[in-house]
Amino acid sequence: MAKNFVSNSQESVRMFKSDFLESLSKVYYWVPLIIFVPVIGVCSYFAYDKNIGMLNYIWLFFFGLFIWTLTEYIMHRFVFHFVPKAKWALRLHFIFHGVHHDYPSDALRLVMPPSASIPLATGFYFLFNAMLPTNYIFGFFPGFILGYLVYDISHYAIHHFNFKSGIWQAIKKHHMLHHYQDPTKGYGVSSPLWDKIFNSDFIKKQNG
């Protein structure tokens, strides 16, 4: 398999001539927490206010968390790793995900910037709200957003923390194989669950 360009530099490569657009492509790892933890709180309050019930809230919360894991896998495999042919589309592919594979140690591009995460979260909110019974979104969406935050923060940690043992070492190894061995496998970042289900796991990982 041909080796792709990979830089070990922690510096951020410039992607845009415009300073404003460049700033929108970078974010500190703690910013998603500031933006989305209040969303979890507000939705949870509305779940209480709309009286959906504690049991409904709990199962909807964990269902949302579960659906996030599938969403993470699908987006990573079929959206972020879809390589188009047109030059302008290749440029978009690089901006959204290619830059991360070329510069995996870039600390300012390891979590999704608000310029992308807020529109995506808004779209998912309206999508799931249209699919779920009335007011059930207020139990489901907090779990879904918590899953996203776990994904974002764990992705940063995987690239910058040296885990010695345990589950986090296994998760880090899984993701590093995706970067440095075979980018057509190992699409799950926060969990290898769906890689096992959809046969995109690493055989080597099972022998490691």
Protein backbone atom coordinates (compact mmCIF):
# COMPACT_ATOMS: atom_id res chain seq x y z
CA MET A 1 0.00 0.00 0.00
CA ALA A 2 1.37 3.40 -0.95
CA LYS A 3 2.33 5.64 1.95
CA ASN A 4 0.56 8.96 2.17
CA PHE A 5 2.21 12.17 3.31
CA VAL A 6 2.17 12.45 7.11
CA SER A 7 3.76 15.28 9.09
CA ASN A 8 4.62 14.83 12.77
CA SER A 9 4.78 18.58 13.31
CA GLN A 10 2.41 20.01 15.93
CA GLU A 11 2.19 23.28 14.00
CA SER A 12 -0.94 24.17 12.06
CA VAL A 13 -0.56 24.24 8.28
CA ARG A 14 -2.25 27.26 6.73
CA MET A 15 -5.31 26.34 4.65
CA PHE A 16 -6.81 29.72 3.71
CA LYS A 17 -5.43 33.02 2.47
CA SER A 18 -8.10 34.83 4.49
CA ASP A 19 -7.18 35.26 8.16
CA PHE A 20 -10.88 35.09 9.06
CA LEU A 21 -11.47 31.77 7.28
CA GLU A 22 -8.22 30.42 8.73
CA SER A 23 -9.41 31.28 12.25
CA LEU A 24 -12.66 29.39 11.64
CA SER A 25 -10.70 26.21 10.89
CA LYS A 26 -8.96 26.06 14.27
CA VAL A 27 -10.25 25.51 17.78
CA TYR A 28 -8.93 24.65 21.24
CA TYR A 29 -10.01 21.26 22.57
CA TRP A 30 -12.08 22.76 25.43
CA VAL A 31 -14.26 25.00 23.23
CA PRO A 32 -16.84 22.25 22.35
CA LEU A 33 -17.43 21.78 26.09
CA ILE A 34 -18.28 25.46 26.54
CA ILE A 35 -20.68 25.37 23.59
CA PHE A 36 -22.44 22.03 24.05
CA VAL A 37 -22.54 21.31 27.79
CA PRO A 38 -25.13 24.11 28.12
CA VAL A 39 -27.09 22.49 25.28
CA ILE A 40 -27.25 19.27 27.31
CA GLY A 41 -28.42 21.25 30.32
CA VAL A 42 -31.09 23.21 28.44
CA CYS A 43 -32.49 20.11 26.72
CA SER A 44 -32.57 18.26 30.03
CA TYR A 45 -34.46 21.16 31.61
CA PHE A 46 -37.03 21.09 28.80
CA ALA A 47 -37.36 17.32 29.25
CA TYR A 48 -38.35 18.04 32.85
CA ASP A 49 -40.52 21.03 31.91
CA LYS A 50 -42.37 19.06 29.22
CA ASN A 51 -42.84 16.21 31.70
CA ILE A 52 -41.61 13.38 29.49
CA GLY A 53 -40.86 11.35 32.63
CA MET A 54 -37.62 10.20 34.22
CA LEU A 55 -37.71 6.69 32.74
CA ASN A 56 -38.34 8.08 29.26
CA TYR A 57 -35.49 10.56 29.75
CA ILE A 58 -33.07 7.84 30.80
CA TRP A 59 -33.75 5.42 27.95
CA LEU A 60 -33.85 8.25 25.40
CA PHE A 61 -30.55 9.59 26.74
CA PHE A 62 -28.79 6.25 26.34
CA PHE A 63 -30.46 5.69 22.98
CA GLY A 64 -29.09 9.04 21.81
CA LEU A 65 -25.64 8.08 23.05
CA PHE A 66 -25.87 4.79 21.15
CA ILE A 67 -27.06 6.49 17.96
CA TRP A 68 -24.12 8.88 18.19
CA THR A 69 -21.67 5.97 18.02
CA LEU A 70 -23.28 4.82 14.77
CA THR A 71 -23.38 8.39 13.42
CA GLU A 72 -19.69 8.83 14.24
CA TYR A 73 -18.83 5.68 12.31
CA ILE A 74 -21.01 6.48 9.28
CA MET A 75 -19.75 10.06 8.98
CA HIS A 76 -16.12 9.06 9.35
CA ARG A 77 -16.30 6.19 6.89
CA PHE A 78 -18.68 7.43 4.22
CA VAL A 79 -18.42 11.23 4.46
CA PHE A 80 -14.94 12.14 5.73
CA HIS A 81 -13.26 9.35 3.77
CA PHE A 82 -15.18 9.82 0.55
CA VAL A 83 -12.56 10.96 -1.96
CA PRO A 84 -14.11 12.86 -4.90
CA LYS A 85 -12.52 13.42 -8.31
CA ALA A 86 -13.26 17.09 -9.01
CA LYS A 87 -10.49 19.49 -7.93
CA TRP A 88 -12.84 21.75 -5.97
CA ALA A 89 -14.32 18.72 -4.19
CA LEU A 90 -10.86 17.40 -3.36
CA ARG A 91 -10.14 20.78 -1.81
CA LEU A 92 -13.23 20.42 0.39
CA HIS A 93 -12.19 16.89 1.31
CA PHE A 94 -8.79 18.18 2.42
CA ILE A 95 -10.36 20.97 4.48
CA PHE A 96 -12.81 18.67 6.26
CA HIS A 97 -10.61 15.62 6.91
CA GLY A 98 -7.60 15.27 4.62
CA VAL A 99 -5.65 17.85 6.58
CA HIS A 100 -6.03 15.76 9.73
CA HIS A 101 -4.49 12.71 8.05
CA ASP A 102 -1.62 14.79 6.65
CA TYR A 103 -1.06 16.63 9.94
CA PRO A 104 -2.40 14.33 12.69
CA SER A 105 -0.49 16.11 15.48
CA ASP A 106 -1.98 19.54 14.74
CA ALA A 107 -3.52 20.31 18.14
CA LEU A 108 -5.82 23.04 16.80
CA ARG A 109 -7.53 20.75 14.29
CA LEU A 110 -8.30 17.72 16.45
CA VAL A 111 -11.78 18.78 17.52
CA MET A 112 -14.46 20.06 15.18
CA PRO A 113 -14.53 23.86 14.98
CA PRO A 114 -17.81 25.61 15.88
CA SER A 115 -18.11 26.76 12.26
CA ALA A 116 -18.85 23.12 11.42
CA SER A 117 -20.14 21.59 14.66
CA ILE A 118 -22.92 24.11 15.32
CA PRO A 119 -24.56 23.78 11.86
CA LEU A 120 -24.21 19.98 12.01
CA ALA A 121 -25.70 19.80 15.51
CA THR A 122 -28.57 22.06 14.45
CA GLY A 123 -29.28 19.86 11.43
CA PHE A 124 -29.25 16.69 13.53
CA TYR A 125 -31.56 18.32 16.09
CA PHE A 126 -34.23 19.09 13.51
CA LEU A 127 -33.78 15.70 11.83
CA PHE A 128 -34.26 13.72 15.04
CA ASN A 129 -37.02 16.03 16.26
CA ALA A 130 -38.95 15.25 13.07
CA MET A 131 -38.45 11.50 13.61
CA LEU A 132 -39.19 11.22 17.34
CA PRO A 133 -42.51 11.60 19.19
CA THR A 134 -43.30 15.09 20.49
CA ASN A 135 -40.79 16.36 23.10
CA TYR A 136 -38.74 13.13 23.06
CA ILE A 137 -35.91 15.10 21.46
CA PHE A 138 -35.23 16.65 24.87
CA GLY A 139 -34.19 13.26 26.26
CA PHE A 140 -32.53 11.95 23.11
CA PHE A 141 -30.45 14.98 22.11
CA PRO A 142 -28.50 15.35 25.39
CA GLY A 143 -27.24 11.76 25.00
CA PHE A 144 -26.41 12.34 21.35
CA ILE A 145 -24.46 15.51 22.18
CA LEU A 146 -22.67 13.82 25.08
CA GLY A 147 -21.54 11.14 22.63
CA TYR A 148 -20.21 13.84 20.33
CA LEU A 149 -18.29 15.49 23.19
CA VAL A 150 -16.78 12.16 24.26
CA TYR A 151 -15.72 11.62 20.65
CA ASP A 152 -14.20 15.08 20.26
CA ILE A 153 -12.31 15.16 23.56
CA SER A 154 -11.16 11.55 23.32
CA HIS A 155 -9.89 12.23 19.79
CA TYR A 156 -7.72 15.03 21.16
CA ALA A 157 -6.51 12.82 24.02
CA ILE A 158 -5.72 9.91 21.68
CA HIS A 159 -3.35 12.10 19.68
CA HIS A 160 -1.68 13.90 22.59
CA PHE A 161 -1.75 11.63 25.65
CA ASN A 162 0.43 8.57 26.15
CA PHE A 163 -1.84 5.92 27.65
CA LYS A 164 0.12 3.13 29.32
CA SER A 165 -2.56 0.49 29.66
CA GLY A 166 -6.25 -0.31 29.77
CA ILE A 167 -9.09 0.55 27.45
CA TRP A 168 -7.70 3.95 26.45
CA GLN A 169 -4.46 2.38 25.27
CA ALA A 170 -6.51 -0.05 23.14
CA ILE A 171 -8.60 2.81 21.70
CA LYS A 172 -5.46 4.83 20.95
CA LYS A 173 -3.85 1.84 19.21
CA HIS A 174 -7.00 1.32 17.12
CA HIS A 175 -6.96 4.93 15.94
CA MET A 176 -3.20 5.03 15.33
CA LEU A 177 -3.53 1.99 13.07
CA HIS A 178 -6.14 3.94 11.11
CA HIS A 179 -3.66 6.79 10.65
CA TYR A 180 -0.39 4.94 10.15
CA GLN A 181 -1.27 1.48 8.83
CA ASP A 182 -4.53 1.47 6.85
CA PRO A 183 -6.96 4.45 6.60
CA THR A 184 -9.57 2.15 5.01
CA LYS A 185 -10.10 0.43 8.37
CA GLY A 186 -10.67 1.54 11.94
CA TYR A 187 -13.28 4.28 11.44
CA GLY A 188 -14.53 4.18 15.01
CA VAL A 189 -12.66 6.76 17.10
CA SER A 190 -14.31 6.63 20.51
CA SER A 191 -15.15 2.92 20.12
CA PRO A 192 -14.27 0.06 17.74
CA LEU A 193 -17.80 -1.39 18.12
CA TRP A 194 -19.07 -0.64 14.61
CA ASP A 195 -15.76 -1.61 13.01
CA LYS A 196 -16.29 -5.08 14.43
CA ILE A 197 -19.92 -5.19 13.28
CA PHE A 198 -19.22 -3.92 9.75
CA ASN A 199 -15.95 -5.83 9.29
CA SER A 200 -13.66 -2.80 9.10
CA ASP A 201 -11.57 -3.71 12.15
CA PHE A 202 -7.85 -4.51 12.08
CA ILE A 203 -6.86 -8.18 12.10
CA LYS A 204 -3.48 -7.17 13.52
CA LYS A 205 -5.23 -5.44 16.41
CA GLN A 206 -6.67 -8.75 17.57
CA ASN A 207 -3.17 -10.26 17.73
CA GLY A 208 -1.50 -7.27 19.35
